[in-house]
Amino acid sequence: MTSSASGPAATPAHDDAASRLIAAEATGIPCDPIVDLLPDGTVDDAYLVQQQVIERTRTGARRVGRKIGLTSPAVQAQMGVDRPDFGVLFADMAYGDAEPIPADRLLQPRVEAEVAFVLGRDLPEHPVTTGEVLRATDFVVAAIEVVDSRIRDWQISIVDTIADNASSGAFVLGGSPRLLTDVDDLRDVSMTLTGGGETLSAGTGAACLGHPVNAVVWLANAVAERGVPLRAGEVILSGSLGPLVAVERGTTYEATFTGLGAVRAAFAG
């Protein structure tokens, strides 16, 4: 991953911010917000820190996709931010449907239900259009993203969450992929997330930037502008359809989508 040509140059403050996040991950102890190290930090500063963390901790790791965060007004309100962001997905973050996720794998996990897109062809450099995203999509599938934060008590600004790989943790894909032509309008897909016998979150595709495809178009242009366009085979988590839910260890969370089936994230006790 590279920063945009017009982005900031790395400074000791960027290095210190990356080191703080890396230490939190290594020790399992959440850290103070990094925005105090970058008080005038911009989104570009945050992506530069994200890049440094990845380069320093993910040597040899296989990138398998991207995630879009903060697409839902409900989640933006929960997190106190006002725009989407993106992070990088790696192979060791993927879990199978109902496969136990180890308790020590994450610090402060929360779950959210999403529509995942899997690309069948590369997307061009920007500008990317809706038609190109539709043509490039191999299939869509029900997904649960497990978001996590290295920042203590989720006290995050937009700079904090972007630097922290968009608060990425893990993800689970369902086992029933669908062609876009076999699904009614994704804008109208309805989602219900349950756990412990209770309904914990609900929403529709319209909560995701108006339409999940809109979110993927936004991502395609955002990453292409930074020199890392989307490629065939990548999994794209398009953003939450409803509010985040804090994880309780030993609980299995199930997200059910109209037209897409269901997916389960199981957390070890």
Protein backbone atom coordinates (compact mmCIF):
# COMPACT_ATOMS: atom_id res chain seq x y z
CA MET A 1 0.00 0.00 0.00
CA THR A 2 1.35 3.41 -0.89
CA SER A 3 0.31 6.88 0.07
CA SER A 4 -0.91 9.30 -2.56
CA ALA A 5 1.71 11.28 -4.39
CA SER A 6 0.44 14.47 -2.79
CA GLY A 7 0.27 12.99 0.72
CA PRO A 8 2.43 13.99 3.68
CA ALA A 9 5.98 12.79 4.22
CA ALA A 10 6.60 10.57 7.25
CA THR A 11 7.73 12.36 10.40
CA PRO A 12 8.74 11.14 13.89
CA ALA A 13 5.14 11.77 14.97
CA HIS A 14 3.85 9.34 12.34
CA ASP A 15 6.43 6.78 13.48
CA ASP A 16 5.42 7.22 17.12
CA ALA A 17 1.73 6.81 16.26
CA ALA A 18 2.44 3.60 14.36
CA SER A 19 4.58 2.29 17.23
CA ARG A 20 1.79 2.97 19.74
CA LEU A 21 -0.71 0.95 17.70
CA ILE A 22 1.79 -1.86 17.12
CA ALA A 23 2.53 -2.09 20.85
CA ALA A 24 -1.17 -2.29 21.67
CA GLU A 25 -1.60 -5.16 19.22
CA ALA A 26 1.47 -6.98 20.53
CA THR A 27 0.63 -6.66 24.23
CA GLY A 28 -3.14 -6.95 24.01
CA ILE A 29 -3.43 -3.73 26.00
CA PRO A 30 -5.39 -0.94 24.27
CA CYS A 31 -3.53 2.36 23.94
CA ASP A 32 -4.34 6.05 24.18
CA PRO A 33 -5.68 7.69 21.02
CA ILE A 34 -2.97 8.50 18.51
CA VAL A 35 -4.59 11.78 17.55
CA ASP A 36 -2.74 13.36 20.50
CA LEU A 37 0.50 12.64 18.61
CA LEU A 38 -0.93 14.21 15.46
CA PRO A 39 -3.11 17.06 16.80
CA ASP A 40 -3.34 18.67 13.37
CA GLY A 41 -3.48 15.34 11.58
CA THR A 42 -5.48 14.95 8.39
CA VAL A 43 -6.98 11.91 6.72
CA ASP A 44 -3.78 11.67 4.66
CA ASP A 45 -1.70 11.58 7.85
CA ALA A 46 -3.90 8.79 9.16
CA TYR A 47 -3.52 6.68 6.02
CA LEU A 48 0.24 7.18 6.20
CA VAL A 49 0.25 5.75 9.74
CA GLN A 50 -1.96 2.87 8.55
CA GLN A 51 0.58 2.16 5.82
CA GLN A 52 3.46 2.19 8.30
CA VAL A 53 1.71 -0.22 10.67
CA ILE A 54 1.02 -2.62 7.81
CA GLU A 55 4.56 -2.45 6.47
CA ARG A 56 6.05 -3.04 9.93
CA THR A 57 3.76 -5.88 11.03
CA ARG A 58 2.49 -7.62 7.90
CA THR A 59 5.66 -8.56 6.04
CA GLY A 60 4.82 -11.53 3.86
CA ALA A 61 1.13 -11.46 4.74
CA ARG A 62 -1.28 -12.02 1.86
CA ARG A 63 -3.75 -9.24 1.17
CA VAL A 64 -7.16 -10.67 0.29
CA GLY A 65 -9.35 -7.58 0.14
CA ARG A 66 -10.44 -4.28 1.63
CA LYS A 67 -13.07 -3.11 4.06
CA ILE A 68 -15.13 0.02 3.98
CA GLY A 69 -15.98 1.50 7.33
CA LEU A 70 -18.32 4.16 8.60
CA THR A 71 -20.83 3.94 5.76
CA SER A 72 -23.91 3.78 7.95
CA PRO A 73 -25.30 6.94 9.58
CA ALA A 74 -26.02 4.83 12.69
CA VAL A 75 -22.40 3.68 12.92
CA GLN A 76 -21.08 7.18 12.19
CA ALA A 77 -23.19 8.46 15.08
CA GLN A 78 -21.92 5.66 17.36
CA MET A 79 -18.31 6.44 16.48
CA GLY A 80 -18.60 10.23 16.37
CA VAL A 81 -17.27 10.52 12.80
CA ASP A 82 -18.73 11.87 9.59
CA ARG A 83 -17.18 10.07 6.61
CA PRO A 84 -16.32 6.57 5.32
CA ASP A 85 -12.85 5.10 5.53
CA PHE A 86 -11.10 1.94 4.36
CA GLY A 87 -8.71 -0.69 5.62
CA VAL A 88 -6.91 -3.75 4.31
CA LEU A 89 -7.98 -7.38 4.80
CA PHE A 90 -5.40 -10.16 5.16
CA ALA A 91 -5.79 -13.93 4.87
CA ASP A 92 -5.26 -14.51 8.60
CA MET A 93 -8.29 -12.34 9.35
CA ALA A 94 -10.70 -14.70 7.56
CA TYR A 95 -12.84 -17.24 9.43
CA GLY A 96 -15.36 -19.74 8.10
CA ASP A 97 -19.06 -19.67 8.86
CA ALA A 98 -19.46 -20.60 12.57
CA GLU A 99 -15.73 -21.38 12.89
CA PRO A 100 -14.68 -20.48 16.46
CA ILE A 101 -12.78 -17.20 16.72
CA PRO A 102 -10.21 -17.45 19.54
CA ALA A 103 -10.89 -15.27 22.57
CA ASP A 104 -7.34 -13.90 22.56
CA ARG A 105 -7.45 -12.96 18.87
CA LEU A 106 -9.06 -9.56 19.50
CA LEU A 107 -8.97 -6.75 22.06
CA GLN A 108 -12.38 -5.00 22.03
CA PRO A 109 -14.41 -6.78 19.36
CA ARG A 110 -17.73 -5.69 17.95
CA VAL A 111 -19.72 -7.23 15.12
CA GLU A 112 -21.57 -5.74 12.20
CA ALA A 113 -23.45 -7.36 9.32
CA GLU A 114 -22.55 -6.49 5.73
CA VAL A 115 -22.88 -7.44 2.09
CA ALA A 116 -19.51 -8.67 0.80
CA PHE A 117 -18.53 -8.33 -2.86
CA VAL A 118 -15.98 -10.64 -4.45
CA LEU A 119 -14.45 -9.27 -7.63
CA GLY A 120 -14.03 -11.32 -10.78
CA ARG A 121 -11.89 -8.81 -12.63
CA ASP A 122 -9.62 -5.86 -11.94
CA LEU A 123 -11.12 -2.42 -11.62
CA PRO A 124 -9.44 0.37 -13.55
CA GLU A 125 -7.67 3.33 -12.10
CA HIS A 126 -9.99 6.19 -11.17
CA PRO A 127 -12.51 7.39 -11.96
CA VAL A 128 -14.42 4.11 -11.47
CA THR A 129 -18.11 4.03 -12.35
CA THR A 130 -21.08 2.07 -11.03
CA GLY A 131 -21.29 0.13 -14.28
CA GLU A 132 -17.67 -0.98 -13.93
CA VAL A 133 -18.24 -2.19 -10.37
CA LEU A 134 -21.35 -4.13 -11.44
CA ARG A 135 -19.46 -5.73 -14.33
CA ALA A 136 -16.46 -6.60 -12.15
CA THR A 137 -18.45 -8.26 -9.35
CA ASP A 138 -18.22 -12.05 -9.47
CA PHE A 139 -20.70 -12.60 -6.62
CA VAL A 140 -22.05 -11.14 -3.39
CA VAL A 141 -22.37 -13.00 -0.10
CA ALA A 142 -23.60 -12.44 3.45
CA ALA A 143 -20.80 -11.36 5.79
CA ILE A 144 -20.06 -10.44 9.37
CA GLU A 145 -17.18 -8.11 10.02
CA VAL A 146 -15.58 -8.26 13.44
CA VAL A 147 -14.28 -4.76 14.04
CA ASP A 148 -11.72 -4.13 16.74
CA SER A 149 -9.85 -1.16 18.11
CA ARG A 150 -6.38 -0.87 19.53
CA ILE A 151 -7.55 2.46 21.02
CA ARG A 152 -8.73 2.28 24.63
CA ASP A 153 -12.53 2.16 25.08
CA TRP A 154 -13.07 2.93 21.40
CA GLN A 155 -12.32 6.62 22.05
CA ILE A 156 -11.61 7.25 18.38
CA SER A 157 -11.56 10.15 15.99
CA ILE A 158 -11.47 9.67 12.23
CA VAL A 159 -7.66 9.91 12.40
CA ASP A 160 -7.50 7.17 15.05
CA THR A 161 -9.70 4.68 13.25
CA ILE A 162 -8.06 5.15 9.85
CA ALA A 163 -4.57 4.79 11.32
CA ASP A 164 -5.76 1.61 13.08
CA ASN A 165 -6.48 -0.05 9.71
CA ALA A 166 -10.05 1.25 9.86
CA SER A 167 -10.55 -0.65 13.15
CA SER A 168 -10.21 -3.99 11.36
CA GLY A 169 -10.24 -7.27 13.26
CA ALA A 170 -11.59 -10.31 11.40
CA PHE A 171 -14.34 -11.28 8.99
CA VAL A 172 -16.64 -14.19 8.21
CA LEU A 173 -18.24 -14.94 4.85
CA GLY A 174 -21.38 -17.00 4.44
CA GLY A 175 -21.49 -20.12 2.30
CA SER A 176 -24.19 -19.11 -0.18
CA PRO A 177 -22.77 -16.76 -2.81
CA ARG A 178 -25.23 -15.08 -5.16
CA LEU A 179 -24.87 -13.49 -8.55
CA LEU A 180 -26.01 -9.88 -8.59
CA THR A 181 -28.59 -10.81 -11.20
CA ASP A 182 -30.09 -13.34 -8.77
CA VAL A 183 -30.60 -10.84 -5.95
CA ASP A 184 -33.28 -8.20 -5.77
CA ASP A 185 -31.98 -4.65 -5.46
CA LEU A 186 -29.30 -4.67 -2.74
CA ARG A 187 -30.64 -1.35 -1.54
CA ASP A 188 -33.73 -3.19 -0.29
CA VAL A 189 -31.94 -6.15 1.32
CA SER A 190 -33.06 -6.44 4.93
CA MET A 191 -30.65 -7.62 7.66
CA THR A 192 -31.26 -8.88 11.18
CA LEU A 193 -28.39 -9.64 13.56
CA THR A 194 -29.12 -11.89 16.53
CA GLY A 195 -27.10 -13.23 19.45
CA GLY A 196 -28.03 -15.03 22.64
CA GLY A 197 -31.59 -15.41 21.39
CA GLU A 198 -32.12 -11.66 20.99
CA THR A 199 -32.29 -9.32 18.03
CA LEU A 200 -29.39 -6.91 18.48
CA SER A 201 -29.19 -4.96 15.22
CA ALA A 202 -31.20 -4.50 12.04
CA GLY A 203 -31.08 -2.46 8.87
CA THR A 204 -31.23 -2.43 5.10
CA GLY A 205 -28.85 -1.95 2.20
CA ALA A 206 -29.98 1.66 1.98
CA ALA A 207 -28.03 2.38 5.20
CA CYS A 208 -24.78 1.72 3.35
CA LEU A 209 -24.16 5.04 1.53
CA GLY A 210 -27.64 4.70 0.05
CA HIS A 211 -26.73 1.42 -1.70
CA PRO A 212 -23.91 -1.10 -1.12
CA VAL A 213 -22.73 -0.66 -4.70
CA ASN A 214 -22.24 3.06 -4.00
CA ALA A 215 -19.87 2.11 -1.19
CA VAL A 216 -17.79 -0.12 -3.46
CA VAL A 217 -17.60 2.65 -6.07
CA TRP A 218 -16.40 5.04 -3.36
CA LEU A 219 -13.76 2.53 -2.26
CA ALA A 220 -12.60 1.79 -5.80
CA ASN A 221 -11.92 5.46 -6.40
CA ALA A 222 -10.39 6.08 -2.97
CA VAL A 223 -7.84 3.28 -3.26
CA ALA A 224 -7.08 3.94 -6.93
CA GLU A 225 -6.22 7.54 -6.07
CA ARG A 226 -3.67 6.13 -3.59
CA GLY A 227 -2.10 3.82 -6.14
CA VAL A 228 -3.65 0.51 -5.01
CA PRO A 229 -6.66 -0.18 -7.29
CA LEU A 230 -8.98 -3.11 -6.59
CA ARG A 231 -8.00 -6.41 -8.23
CA ALA A 232 -9.74 -9.63 -9.26
CA GLY A 233 -10.34 -12.00 -6.37
CA GLU A 234 -10.47 -9.34 -3.67
CA VAL A 235 -13.16 -9.50 -0.99
CA ILE A 236 -14.82 -6.15 -0.38
CA LEU A 237 -16.72 -5.65 2.86
CA SER A 238 -19.07 -2.89 1.78
CA GLY A 239 -20.10 -1.50 5.17
CA SER A 240 -22.51 -2.13 8.00
CA LEU A 241 -26.25 -2.26 7.45
CA GLY A 242 -27.00 -1.55 11.10
CA PRO A 243 -25.51 -0.51 14.45
CA LEU A 244 -22.43 -2.24 15.86
CA VAL A 245 -22.86 -4.83 18.61
CA ALA A 246 -20.29 -5.42 21.36
CA VAL A 247 -19.14 -9.04 21.50
CA GLU A 248 -19.68 -11.27 24.49
CA ARG A 249 -17.24 -14.18 24.62
CA GLY A 250 -18.85 -17.57 24.12
CA THR A 251 -21.66 -16.14 21.99
CA THR A 252 -22.51 -16.92 18.37
CA TYR A 253 -23.91 -14.04 16.32
CA GLU A 254 -26.04 -14.75 13.27
CA ALA A 255 -26.82 -12.26 10.52
CA THR A 256 -29.72 -13.09 8.23
CA PHE A 257 -30.25 -11.22 4.96
CA THR A 258 -33.24 -11.36 2.62
CA GLY A 259 -32.06 -12.91 -0.62
CA LEU A 260 -28.55 -13.70 0.66
CA GLY A 261 -29.06 -16.25 3.41
CA ALA A 262 -27.24 -16.21 6.73
CA VAL A 263 -23.75 -16.16 8.25
CA ARG A 264 -22.52 -16.83 11.78
CA ALA A 265 -19.59 -15.51 13.80
CA ALA A 266 -18.82 -17.77 16.76
CA PHE A 267 -16.65 -16.51 19.60
CA ALA A 268 -14.83 -18.89 21.86
CA GLY A 269 -15.48 -18.50 25.58
